[in-house]
Amino acid sequence: MKKNALLSLLFLGLASLLVSTTSCDKVKEAASFDVKINAPAHQFTLDSADYLTKSTLEESLFTYQLVNINIDSVLNAAGISSATISNGGVTNTTLTILLPPGSNFDWLQSARVTAAATLEGLPTGTQIAHTGTINPGSSTLDLILDNAALTTFINNSNFYVGVFGTLVGPLPSSQVTCVFNSTFVFTVNPLGE
């Protein structure tokens, strides 16, 4: 009888240890959370004089943006002193013509967006989005996301994003003003305190 009671206690102890270990893992999982950060809207102007001597099949850097993701302020806002960052990526990139009114992207053959640690690295940087078929008359392009891993860039806080394009014809006016929008996402995994 004592042997059965002792065996039952041992079994109960092991079962509760298993449950508590599993519960701790679930608490850690539950403490992880995703963060979405919209980079500031980036407005830029293309001047047709800059493209007069270029071949229509030559890719050009239209614009670039320095993106700053302040991890410390994200952690402070969540009341966390330390964490690891994972699953860094982009969830949205759009390119829209603002001026002149009524303009469209019929002059654009293709576009792509890259990320790099330095401005000089943008041409060969990590491609994060690109255009597919550009529908005639489009004034806004929702770029196709490339499922790029951006955790390293986000961990460094500052990185560059560049918008490249290849023209299929001349710009519709002497100047075209566009706005580029992007949204970045990452997972915060709090470390045990």
N, C-alpha and C. Protein backbone atom coordinates (compact mmCIF):
# COMPACT_ATOMS: atom_id res chain seq x y z
N MET A 1 0.82 -1.18 0.00
CA MET A 1 0.00 0.00 0.00
C MET A 1 0.87 1.25 0.00
N LYS A 2 1.92 1.24 0.91
CA LYS A 2 2.82 2.38 0.97
C LYS A 2 3.55 2.54 -0.37
N LYS A 3 3.87 1.41 -0.98
CA LYS A 3 4.57 1.44 -2.25
C LYS A 3 3.69 2.10 -3.32
N ASN A 4 2.39 1.76 -3.36
CA ASN A 4 1.46 2.37 -4.32
C ASN A 4 1.29 3.86 -4.06
N ALA A 5 1.20 4.25 -2.79
CA ALA A 5 1.05 5.66 -2.44
C ALA A 5 2.30 6.44 -2.84
N LEU A 6 3.47 5.86 -2.60
CA LEU A 6 4.73 6.50 -2.97
C LEU A 6 4.85 6.62 -4.48
N LEU A 7 4.46 5.57 -5.19
CA LEU A 7 4.48 5.58 -6.65
C LEU A 7 3.52 6.62 -7.19
N SER A 8 2.33 6.73 -6.58
CA SER A 8 1.34 7.73 -6.99
C SER A 8 1.87 9.14 -6.77
N LEU A 9 2.51 9.38 -5.63
CA LEU A 9 3.09 10.69 -5.35
C LEU A 9 4.19 11.04 -6.34
N LEU A 10 5.03 10.06 -6.66
CA LEU A 10 6.10 10.27 -7.62
C LEU A 10 5.51 10.61 -9.00
N PHE A 11 4.50 9.85 -9.40
CA PHE A 11 3.85 10.09 -10.68
C PHE A 11 3.21 11.48 -10.72
N LEU A 12 2.53 11.85 -9.64
CA LEU A 12 1.89 13.16 -9.53
C LEU A 12 2.93 14.28 -9.60
N GLY A 13 4.06 14.07 -8.95
CA GLY A 13 5.14 15.05 -8.96
C GLY A 13 5.70 15.25 -10.36
N LEU A 14 5.93 14.14 -11.08
CA LEU A 14 6.42 14.22 -12.44
C LEU A 14 5.41 14.89 -13.36
N ALA A 15 4.15 14.56 -13.19
CA ALA A 15 3.09 15.15 -14.01
C ALA A 15 3.02 16.66 -13.79
N SER A 16 3.09 17.11 -12.53
CA SER A 16 3.01 18.54 -12.25
C SER A 16 4.26 19.27 -12.77
N LEU A 17 5.43 18.61 -12.72
CA LEU A 17 6.64 19.20 -13.27
C LEU A 17 6.50 19.38 -14.78
N LEU A 18 5.96 18.37 -15.44
CA LEU A 18 5.73 18.45 -16.88
C LEU A 18 4.77 19.58 -17.23
N VAL A 19 3.68 19.69 -16.49
CA VAL A 19 2.68 20.73 -16.74
C VAL A 19 3.28 22.11 -16.50
N SER A 20 4.06 22.27 -15.42
CA SER A 20 4.63 23.59 -15.12
C SER A 20 5.67 23.97 -16.17
N THR A 21 6.46 23.02 -16.67
CA THR A 21 7.43 23.31 -17.72
C THR A 21 6.72 23.72 -18.99
N THR A 22 5.68 23.00 -19.35
CA THR A 22 4.90 23.34 -20.53
C THR A 22 4.25 24.70 -20.35
N SER A 23 3.75 24.99 -19.18
CA SER A 23 3.12 26.28 -18.92
C SER A 23 4.11 27.41 -19.06
N CYS A 24 5.35 27.24 -18.59
CA CYS A 24 6.38 28.27 -18.71
C CYS A 24 6.66 28.57 -20.18
N ASP A 25 6.76 27.50 -21.00
CA ASP A 25 6.99 27.69 -22.43
C ASP A 25 5.85 28.47 -23.05
N LYS A 26 4.62 28.15 -22.66
CA LYS A 26 3.46 28.85 -23.21
C LYS A 26 3.45 30.31 -22.77
N VAL A 27 3.88 30.57 -21.54
CA VAL A 27 3.94 31.96 -21.07
C VAL A 27 4.97 32.73 -21.88
N LYS A 28 6.13 32.09 -22.15
CA LYS A 28 7.15 32.76 -22.97
C LYS A 28 6.61 33.04 -24.36
N GLU A 29 5.90 32.05 -24.95
CA GLU A 29 5.30 32.24 -26.28
C GLU A 29 4.29 33.37 -26.24
N ALA A 30 3.47 33.38 -25.22
CA ALA A 30 2.43 34.40 -25.11
C ALA A 30 3.04 35.78 -24.92
N ALA A 31 4.22 35.86 -24.33
CA ALA A 31 4.87 37.14 -24.09
C ALA A 31 5.45 37.72 -25.38
N SER A 32 5.75 36.88 -26.36
CA SER A 32 6.24 37.37 -27.65
C SER A 32 5.12 38.11 -28.36
N PHE A 33 5.48 39.17 -29.07
CA PHE A 33 4.45 39.92 -29.79
C PHE A 33 5.02 40.52 -31.07
N ASP A 34 4.14 40.73 -32.03
CA ASP A 34 4.53 41.30 -33.31
C ASP A 34 4.35 42.81 -33.28
N VAL A 35 5.25 43.50 -33.97
CA VAL A 35 5.21 44.95 -34.06
C VAL A 35 5.18 45.33 -35.53
N LYS A 36 4.29 46.25 -35.89
CA LYS A 36 4.25 46.81 -37.25
C LYS A 36 4.61 48.28 -37.14
N ILE A 37 5.53 48.71 -37.97
CA ILE A 37 5.95 50.11 -37.98
C ILE A 37 5.85 50.63 -39.40
N ASN A 38 5.07 51.70 -39.55
CA ASN A 38 4.98 52.38 -40.84
C ASN A 38 6.15 53.35 -40.95
N ALA A 39 6.97 53.17 -41.97
CA ALA A 39 8.02 54.16 -42.22
C ALA A 39 7.32 55.45 -42.64
N PRO A 40 7.91 56.61 -42.34
CA PRO A 40 7.27 57.86 -42.77
C PRO A 40 7.07 57.86 -44.29
N ALA A 41 5.96 58.40 -44.74
CA ALA A 41 5.71 58.51 -46.18
C ALA A 41 6.87 59.29 -46.79
N HIS A 42 7.40 58.77 -47.88
CA HIS A 42 8.58 59.39 -48.51
C HIS A 42 8.19 59.96 -49.87
N GLN A 43 8.17 61.28 -49.95
CA GLN A 43 7.80 61.97 -51.19
C GLN A 43 9.06 62.32 -51.97
N PHE A 44 9.01 62.13 -53.28
CA PHE A 44 10.16 62.46 -54.13
C PHE A 44 9.67 62.89 -55.50
N THR A 45 10.53 63.63 -56.21
CA THR A 45 10.19 64.15 -57.54
C THR A 45 11.19 63.64 -58.56
N LEU A 46 10.66 63.12 -59.67
CA LEU A 46 11.49 62.71 -60.79
C LEU A 46 11.47 63.83 -61.82
N ASP A 47 12.64 64.17 -62.35
CA ASP A 47 12.77 65.24 -63.35
C ASP A 47 13.07 64.60 -64.69
N SER A 48 12.27 64.92 -65.70
CA SER A 48 12.44 64.27 -67.01
C SER A 48 13.82 64.55 -67.60
N ALA A 49 14.45 65.67 -67.26
CA ALA A 49 15.79 65.98 -67.77
C ALA A 49 16.81 64.93 -67.32
N ASP A 50 16.59 64.32 -66.17
CA ASP A 50 17.52 63.30 -65.66
C ASP A 50 17.46 62.00 -66.46
N TYR A 51 16.41 61.84 -67.26
CA TYR A 51 16.22 60.57 -67.96
C TYR A 51 16.33 60.70 -69.47
N LEU A 52 16.65 61.90 -69.98
CA LEU A 52 16.75 62.11 -71.42
C LEU A 52 17.85 61.28 -72.06
N THR A 53 18.98 61.14 -71.39
CA THR A 53 20.12 60.43 -71.98
C THR A 53 20.13 58.94 -71.65
N LYS A 54 19.23 58.50 -70.81
CA LYS A 54 19.22 57.09 -70.40
C LYS A 54 18.43 56.24 -71.40
N SER A 55 18.90 55.04 -71.58
CA SER A 55 18.16 54.06 -72.38
C SER A 55 16.89 53.70 -71.62
N THR A 56 15.83 53.42 -72.34
CA THR A 56 14.58 53.06 -71.67
C THR A 56 14.69 51.74 -70.92
N LEU A 57 15.70 50.95 -71.20
CA LEU A 57 15.86 49.68 -70.51
C LEU A 57 16.89 49.75 -69.38
N GLU A 58 17.37 50.96 -69.07
CA GLU A 58 18.38 51.14 -68.03
C GLU A 58 17.70 51.43 -66.69
N GLU A 59 18.03 50.63 -65.68
CA GLU A 59 17.44 50.83 -64.37
C GLU A 59 18.08 52.04 -63.68
N SER A 60 17.26 52.83 -62.99
CA SER A 60 17.72 54.02 -62.28
C SER A 60 17.23 53.99 -60.84
N LEU A 61 18.03 54.56 -59.96
CA LEU A 61 17.60 54.75 -58.58
C LEU A 61 16.70 55.98 -58.56
N PHE A 62 15.40 55.77 -58.30
CA PHE A 62 14.46 56.88 -58.24
C PHE A 62 14.61 57.68 -56.95
N THR A 63 14.74 56.96 -55.84
CA THR A 63 14.85 57.61 -54.54
C THR A 63 15.34 56.61 -53.51
N TYR A 64 15.75 57.14 -52.37
CA TYR A 64 16.10 56.27 -51.25
C TYR A 64 15.62 56.93 -49.97
N GLN A 65 15.48 56.12 -48.95
CA GLN A 65 14.99 56.58 -47.66
C GLN A 65 15.79 55.90 -46.55
N LEU A 66 16.20 56.69 -45.56
CA LEU A 66 16.83 56.12 -44.38
C LEU A 66 15.71 55.75 -43.41
N VAL A 67 15.61 54.48 -43.09
CA VAL A 67 14.57 53.99 -42.18
C VAL A 67 15.19 53.80 -40.80
N ASN A 68 14.53 54.31 -39.79
CA ASN A 68 14.99 54.16 -38.42
C ASN A 68 13.92 53.44 -37.63
N ILE A 69 14.27 52.28 -37.11
CA ILE A 69 13.35 51.53 -36.26
C ILE A 69 13.97 51.50 -34.86
N ASN A 70 13.37 52.26 -33.97
CA ASN A 70 13.92 52.40 -32.62
C ASN A 70 13.43 51.26 -31.73
N ILE A 71 14.23 50.21 -31.67
CA ILE A 71 13.89 49.03 -30.88
C ILE A 71 13.74 49.39 -29.40
N ASP A 72 14.63 50.26 -28.90
CA ASP A 72 14.58 50.63 -27.48
C ASP A 72 13.24 51.25 -27.10
N SER A 73 12.71 52.11 -27.97
CA SER A 73 11.41 52.73 -27.62
C SER A 73 10.27 51.72 -27.69
N VAL A 74 10.38 50.72 -28.58
CA VAL A 74 9.38 49.65 -28.64
C VAL A 74 9.41 48.86 -27.33
N LEU A 75 10.63 48.53 -26.87
CA LEU A 75 10.76 47.77 -25.63
C LEU A 75 10.28 48.59 -24.44
N ASN A 76 10.66 49.87 -24.40
CA ASN A 76 10.22 50.75 -23.30
C ASN A 76 8.70 50.86 -23.25
N ALA A 77 8.08 51.00 -24.41
CA ALA A 77 6.61 51.13 -24.47
C ALA A 77 5.93 49.86 -23.97
N ALA A 78 6.60 48.71 -24.15
CA ALA A 78 6.03 47.44 -23.70
C ALA A 78 6.47 47.09 -22.28
N GLY A 79 7.30 47.93 -21.68
CA GLY A 79 7.77 47.66 -20.32
C GLY A 79 8.77 46.53 -20.24
N ILE A 80 9.58 46.38 -21.30
CA ILE A 80 10.55 45.28 -21.38
C ILE A 80 11.95 45.89 -21.41
N SER A 81 12.87 45.29 -20.66
CA SER A 81 14.23 45.83 -20.65
C SER A 81 15.14 45.16 -21.68
N SER A 82 14.86 43.90 -22.02
CA SER A 82 15.69 43.23 -23.03
C SER A 82 14.86 42.20 -23.78
N ALA A 83 15.23 42.02 -25.06
CA ALA A 83 14.50 41.09 -25.92
C ALA A 83 15.35 40.75 -27.12
N THR A 84 14.96 39.72 -27.81
CA THR A 84 15.55 39.43 -29.11
C THR A 84 14.50 39.76 -30.17
N ILE A 85 14.97 40.07 -31.35
CA ILE A 85 14.08 40.42 -32.46
C ILE A 85 14.19 39.30 -33.50
N SER A 86 13.04 38.88 -34.02
CA SER A 86 13.04 37.84 -35.05
C SER A 86 11.95 38.17 -36.08
N ASN A 87 11.91 37.38 -37.13
CA ASN A 87 10.87 37.47 -38.17
C ASN A 87 10.74 38.86 -38.79
N GLY A 88 11.86 39.56 -38.95
CA GLY A 88 11.82 40.89 -39.56
C GLY A 88 11.45 40.80 -41.03
N GLY A 89 10.54 41.65 -41.45
CA GLY A 89 10.12 41.66 -42.84
C GLY A 89 9.36 42.92 -43.19
N VAL A 90 8.77 42.91 -44.34
CA VAL A 90 7.97 44.04 -44.81
C VAL A 90 6.58 43.51 -45.15
N THR A 91 5.54 44.27 -44.82
CA THR A 91 4.18 43.80 -45.09
C THR A 91 3.47 44.64 -46.14
N ASN A 92 4.08 45.76 -46.54
CA ASN A 92 3.39 46.63 -47.49
C ASN A 92 4.40 47.58 -48.13
N THR A 93 4.33 47.72 -49.45
CA THR A 93 5.07 48.77 -50.15
C THR A 93 4.18 49.28 -51.27
N THR A 94 3.98 50.59 -51.31
CA THR A 94 3.18 51.18 -52.38
C THR A 94 3.90 52.39 -52.96
N LEU A 95 3.64 52.62 -54.21
CA LEU A 95 4.19 53.76 -54.93
C LEU A 95 2.99 54.46 -55.58
N THR A 96 2.84 55.77 -55.32
CA THR A 96 1.69 56.51 -55.82
C THR A 96 2.15 57.82 -56.47
N ILE A 97 1.55 58.17 -57.60
CA ILE A 97 1.83 59.46 -58.24
C ILE A 97 0.93 60.52 -57.60
N LEU A 98 1.55 61.60 -57.13
CA LEU A 98 0.80 62.72 -56.55
C LEU A 98 0.56 63.83 -57.57
N LEU A 99 1.62 64.18 -58.32
CA LEU A 99 1.54 65.28 -59.29
C LEU A 99 2.25 64.88 -60.57
N PRO A 100 1.82 65.36 -61.71
CA PRO A 100 0.64 66.18 -61.95
C PRO A 100 -0.65 65.35 -61.81
N PRO A 101 -1.74 66.02 -61.47
CA PRO A 101 -3.01 65.30 -61.30
C PRO A 101 -3.37 64.52 -62.57
N GLY A 102 -3.93 63.35 -62.38
CA GLY A 102 -4.36 62.54 -63.52
C GLY A 102 -3.26 61.73 -64.17
N SER A 103 -2.02 61.85 -63.67
CA SER A 103 -0.90 61.08 -64.26
C SER A 103 -0.98 59.62 -63.84
N ASN A 104 -0.36 58.78 -64.66
CA ASN A 104 -0.33 57.35 -64.34
C ASN A 104 1.06 56.79 -64.61
N PHE A 105 1.23 55.51 -64.34
CA PHE A 105 2.54 54.85 -64.48
C PHE A 105 2.72 54.19 -65.84
N ASP A 106 2.06 54.66 -66.87
CA ASP A 106 2.21 54.05 -68.19
C ASP A 106 3.64 54.18 -68.73
N TRP A 107 4.45 55.05 -68.18
CA TRP A 107 5.84 55.25 -68.59
C TRP A 107 6.81 54.31 -67.87
N LEU A 108 6.31 53.53 -66.90
CA LEU A 108 7.17 52.67 -66.08
C LEU A 108 7.07 51.22 -66.53
N GLN A 109 8.21 50.64 -66.88
CA GLN A 109 8.22 49.23 -67.26
C GLN A 109 8.22 48.34 -66.02
N SER A 110 9.07 48.68 -65.04
CA SER A 110 9.16 47.88 -63.82
C SER A 110 9.79 48.71 -62.71
N ALA A 111 9.58 48.24 -61.48
CA ALA A 111 10.21 48.87 -60.32
C ALA A 111 10.53 47.78 -59.31
N ARG A 112 11.50 48.08 -58.47
CA ARG A 112 11.84 47.16 -57.39
C ARG A 112 12.32 47.98 -56.20
N VAL A 113 12.22 47.38 -55.01
CA VAL A 113 12.64 48.03 -53.78
C VAL A 113 13.67 47.14 -53.10
N THR A 114 14.77 47.74 -52.68
CA THR A 114 15.81 46.99 -51.99
C THR A 114 16.10 47.61 -50.63
N ALA A 115 16.71 46.82 -49.76
CA ALA A 115 17.16 47.30 -48.45
C ALA A 115 18.64 47.00 -48.34
N ALA A 116 19.38 47.91 -47.69
CA ALA A 116 20.82 47.72 -47.49
C ALA A 116 21.27 48.51 -46.27
N ALA A 117 22.39 48.09 -45.71
CA ALA A 117 22.93 48.78 -44.54
C ALA A 117 23.52 50.13 -44.91
N THR A 118 23.98 50.26 -46.17
CA THR A 118 24.56 51.51 -46.64
C THR A 118 23.89 51.96 -47.92
N LEU A 119 24.02 53.23 -48.21
CA LEU A 119 23.47 53.78 -49.44
C LEU A 119 24.12 53.14 -50.67
N GLU A 120 25.42 52.92 -50.58
CA GLU A 120 26.15 52.32 -51.71
C GLU A 120 25.73 50.88 -51.96
N GLY A 121 25.19 50.22 -50.96
CA GLY A 121 24.78 48.82 -51.10
C GLY A 121 23.41 48.62 -51.71
N LEU A 122 22.67 49.70 -51.95
CA LEU A 122 21.29 49.55 -52.45
C LEU A 122 21.17 48.82 -53.79
N PRO A 123 22.01 49.10 -54.80
CA PRO A 123 21.83 48.41 -56.09
C PRO A 123 21.87 46.89 -55.98
N THR A 124 22.69 46.37 -55.08
CA THR A 124 22.81 44.92 -54.92
C THR A 124 22.22 44.45 -53.59
N GLY A 125 21.46 45.31 -52.94
CA GLY A 125 20.89 45.00 -51.63
C GLY A 125 19.84 43.90 -51.69
N THR A 126 19.24 43.65 -50.55
CA THR A 126 18.20 42.63 -50.43
C THR A 126 16.92 43.16 -51.07
N GLN A 127 16.45 42.48 -52.11
CA GLN A 127 15.21 42.92 -52.76
C GLN A 127 14.03 42.57 -51.86
N ILE A 128 13.20 43.59 -51.56
CA ILE A 128 12.07 43.34 -50.67
C ILE A 128 10.72 43.39 -51.39
N ALA A 129 10.69 44.00 -52.58
CA ALA A 129 9.43 44.07 -53.33
C ALA A 129 9.72 44.42 -54.78
N HIS A 130 8.77 44.10 -55.64
CA HIS A 130 8.91 44.40 -57.06
C HIS A 130 7.52 44.55 -57.70
N THR A 131 7.51 45.14 -58.88
CA THR A 131 6.25 45.24 -59.60
C THR A 131 6.02 43.96 -60.38
N GLY A 132 4.76 43.67 -60.58
CA GLY A 132 4.38 42.62 -61.52
C GLY A 132 3.97 43.34 -62.79
N THR A 133 2.91 42.90 -63.40
CA THR A 133 2.37 43.59 -64.56
C THR A 133 1.75 44.90 -64.09
N ILE A 134 2.14 45.99 -64.73
CA ILE A 134 1.58 47.29 -64.37
C ILE A 134 0.38 47.55 -65.28
N ASN A 135 -0.78 47.61 -64.69
CA ASN A 135 -2.00 47.82 -65.46
C ASN A 135 -2.02 49.23 -66.05
N PRO A 136 -2.40 49.35 -67.32
CA PRO A 136 -2.47 50.67 -67.94
C PRO A 136 -3.38 51.61 -67.13
N GLY A 137 -2.94 52.84 -66.99
CA GLY A 137 -3.73 53.84 -66.28
C GLY A 137 -3.57 53.82 -64.77
N SER A 138 -2.70 52.95 -64.23
CA SER A 138 -2.52 52.87 -62.78
C SER A 138 -1.77 54.09 -62.25
N SER A 139 -2.31 54.67 -61.17
CA SER A 139 -1.60 55.78 -60.52
C SER A 139 -1.07 55.36 -59.15
N THR A 140 -1.42 54.16 -58.71
CA THR A 140 -0.88 53.58 -57.48
C THR A 140 -0.46 52.15 -57.78
N LEU A 141 0.72 51.79 -57.29
CA LEU A 141 1.22 50.43 -57.47
C LEU A 141 1.42 49.79 -56.10
N ASP A 142 0.76 48.67 -55.87
CA ASP A 142 1.01 47.85 -54.69
C ASP A 142 2.05 46.83 -55.11
N LEU A 143 3.27 47.00 -54.65
CA LEU A 143 4.35 46.12 -55.08
C LEU A 143 4.20 44.73 -54.48
N ILE A 144 4.71 43.75 -55.19
CA ILE A 144 4.67 42.35 -54.75
C ILE A 144 5.81 42.14 -53.77
N LEU A 145 5.49 41.62 -52.61
CA LEU A 145 6.50 41.41 -51.57
C LEU A 145 7.33 40.18 -51.88
N ASP A 146 8.64 40.25 -51.60
CA ASP A 146 9.57 39.17 -51.90
C ASP A 146 9.89 38.27 -50.71
N ASN A 147 9.17 38.41 -49.60
CA ASN A 147 9.40 37.58 -48.42
C ASN A 147 10.86 37.64 -47.96
N ALA A 148 11.42 38.85 -47.99
CA ALA A 148 12.82 39.05 -47.63
C ALA A 148 13.00 39.03 -46.12
N ALA A 149 14.09 38.44 -45.67
CA ALA A 149 14.43 38.41 -44.24
C ALA A 149 15.14 39.72 -43.88
N LEU A 150 14.51 40.54 -43.05
CA LEU A 150 15.06 41.86 -42.71
C LEU A 150 15.45 41.98 -41.24
N THR A 151 15.49 40.88 -40.52
CA THR A 151 15.79 40.93 -39.08
C THR A 151 17.13 41.62 -38.81
N THR A 152 18.15 41.30 -39.58
CA THR A 152 19.47 41.93 -39.37
C THR A 152 19.39 43.43 -39.52
N PHE A 153 18.70 43.91 -40.54
CA PHE A 153 18.56 45.36 -40.75
C PHE A 153 17.80 45.99 -39.58
N ILE A 154 16.71 45.37 -39.17
CA ILE A 154 15.90 45.93 -38.09
C ILE A 154 16.68 45.94 -36.78
N ASN A 155 17.47 44.91 -36.53
CA ASN A 155 18.31 44.88 -35.33
C ASN A 155 19.34 46.01 -35.32
N ASN A 156 19.77 46.44 -36.51
CA ASN A 156 20.74 47.54 -36.60
C ASN A 156 20.08 48.91 -36.47
N SER A 157 18.77 48.94 -36.40
CA SER A 157 17.97 50.17 -36.23
C SER A 157 17.91 51.06 -37.46
N ASN A 158 19.03 51.37 -38.09
CA ASN A 158 19.04 52.24 -39.27
C ASN A 158 19.45 51.44 -40.50
N PHE A 159 18.67 51.60 -41.58
CA PHE A 159 19.03 50.99 -42.85
C PHE A 159 18.38 51.78 -43.97
N TYR A 160 18.86 51.57 -45.17
CA TYR A 160 18.35 52.29 -46.33
C TYR A 160 17.39 51.42 -47.13
N VAL A 161 16.40 52.08 -47.70
CA VAL A 161 15.48 51.44 -48.63
C VAL A 161 15.53 52.26 -49.91
N GLY A 162 15.72 51.58 -51.05
CA GLY A 162 15.82 52.27 -52.33
C GLY A 162 14.74 51.82 -53.29
N VAL A 163 14.23 52.76 -54.08
CA VAL A 163 13.23 52.45 -55.11
C VAL A 163 13.91 52.63 -56.46
N PHE A 164 13.99 51.54 -57.22
CA PHE A 164 14.60 51.54 -58.54
C PHE A 164 13.50 51.39 -59.59
N GLY A 165 13.73 51.96 -60.76
CA GLY A 165 12.75 51.82 -61.82
C GLY A 165 13.39 51.77 -63.19
N THR A 166 12.68 51.15 -64.11
CA THR A 166 13.08 51.10 -65.52
C THR A 166 11.94 51.69 -66.33
N LEU A 167 12.27 52.72 -67.12
CA LEU A 167 11.25 53.41 -67.91
C LEU A 167 11.00 52.68 -69.22
N VAL A 168 9.76 52.77 -69.68
CA VAL A 168 9.41 52.22 -70.97
C VAL A 168 9.21 53.37 -71.98
N GLY A 169 9.17 54.57 -71.46
CA GLY A 169 9.01 55.76 -72.29
C GLY A 169 9.28 56.99 -71.44
N PRO A 170 9.07 58.18 -72.03
CA PRO A 170 9.34 59.42 -71.29
C PRO A 170 8.32 59.65 -70.17
N LEU A 171 8.73 60.43 -69.18
CA LEU A 171 7.81 60.82 -68.11
C LEU A 171 6.67 61.63 -68.73
N PRO A 172 5.49 61.61 -68.13
CA PRO A 172 4.34 62.30 -68.72
C PRO A 172 4.41 63.83 -68.63
N SER A 173 5.35 64.36 -67.84
CA SER A 173 5.53 65.81 -67.75
C SER A 173 6.97 66.08 -67.33
N SER A 174 7.34 67.35 -67.25
CA SER A 174 8.73 67.67 -66.92
C SER A 174 9.11 67.17 -65.53
N GLN A 175 8.14 67.13 -64.61
CA GLN A 175 8.39 66.58 -63.29
C GLN A 175 7.19 65.73 -62.85
N VAL A 176 7.51 64.63 -62.16
CA VAL A 176 6.48 63.75 -61.62
C VAL A 176 6.81 63.56 -60.13
N THR A 177 5.84 63.90 -59.28
CA THR A 177 6.03 63.74 -57.84
C THR A 177 5.29 62.49 -57.38
N CYS A 178 6.01 61.66 -56.65
CA CYS A 178 5.46 60.39 -56.16
C CYS A 178 5.62 60.30 -54.65
N VAL A 179 4.93 59.37 -54.05
CA VAL A 179 5.12 59.06 -52.63
C VAL A 179 5.29 57.55 -52.49
N PHE A 180 6.26 57.18 -51.65
CA PHE A 180 6.55 55.77 -51.38
C PHE A 180 6.18 55.49 -49.94
N ASN A 181 5.40 54.44 -49.71
CA ASN A 181 5.01 54.02 -48.35
C ASN A 181 5.43 52.58 -48.13
N SER A 182 5.87 52.30 -46.90
CA SER A 182 6.25 50.93 -46.57
C SER A 182 5.95 50.66 -45.10
N THR A 183 5.66 49.40 -44.80
CA THR A 183 5.37 48.97 -43.44
C THR A 183 6.26 47.78 -43.11
N PHE A 184 6.96 47.87 -41.98
CA PHE A 184 7.87 46.81 -41.54
C PHE A 184 7.27 46.09 -40.34
N VAL A 185 7.61 44.82 -40.21
CA VAL A 185 7.08 44.01 -39.11
C VAL A 185 8.21 43.18 -38.52
N PHE A 186 8.12 42.92 -37.21
CA PHE A 186 9.08 42.04 -36.56
C PHE A 186 8.45 41.51 -35.28
N THR A 187 9.03 40.43 -34.75
CA THR A 187 8.55 39.82 -33.51
C THR A 187 9.52 40.16 -32.39
N VAL A 188 8.96 40.59 -31.26
CA VAL A 188 9.76 40.87 -30.07
C VAL A 188 9.62 39.67 -29.14
N ASN A 189 10.75 39.09 -28.76
CA ASN A 189 10.78 37.94 -27.86
C ASN A 189 11.45 38.38 -26.56
N PRO A 190 10.67 38.74 -25.53
CA PRO A 190 11.27 39.21 -24.27
C PRO A 190 12.16 38.15 -23.64
N LEU A 191 13.27 38.60 -23.07
CA LEU A 191 14.18 37.69 -22.37
C LEU A 191 13.77 37.63 -20.91
N GLY A 192 13.97 36.49 -20.27
CA GLY A 192 13.62 36.32 -18.86
C GLY A 192 14.33 37.35 -18.00
N GLU A 193 13.59 37.91 -17.07
CA GLU A 193 14.16 38.97 -16.23
C GLU A 193 14.44 38.44 -14.84
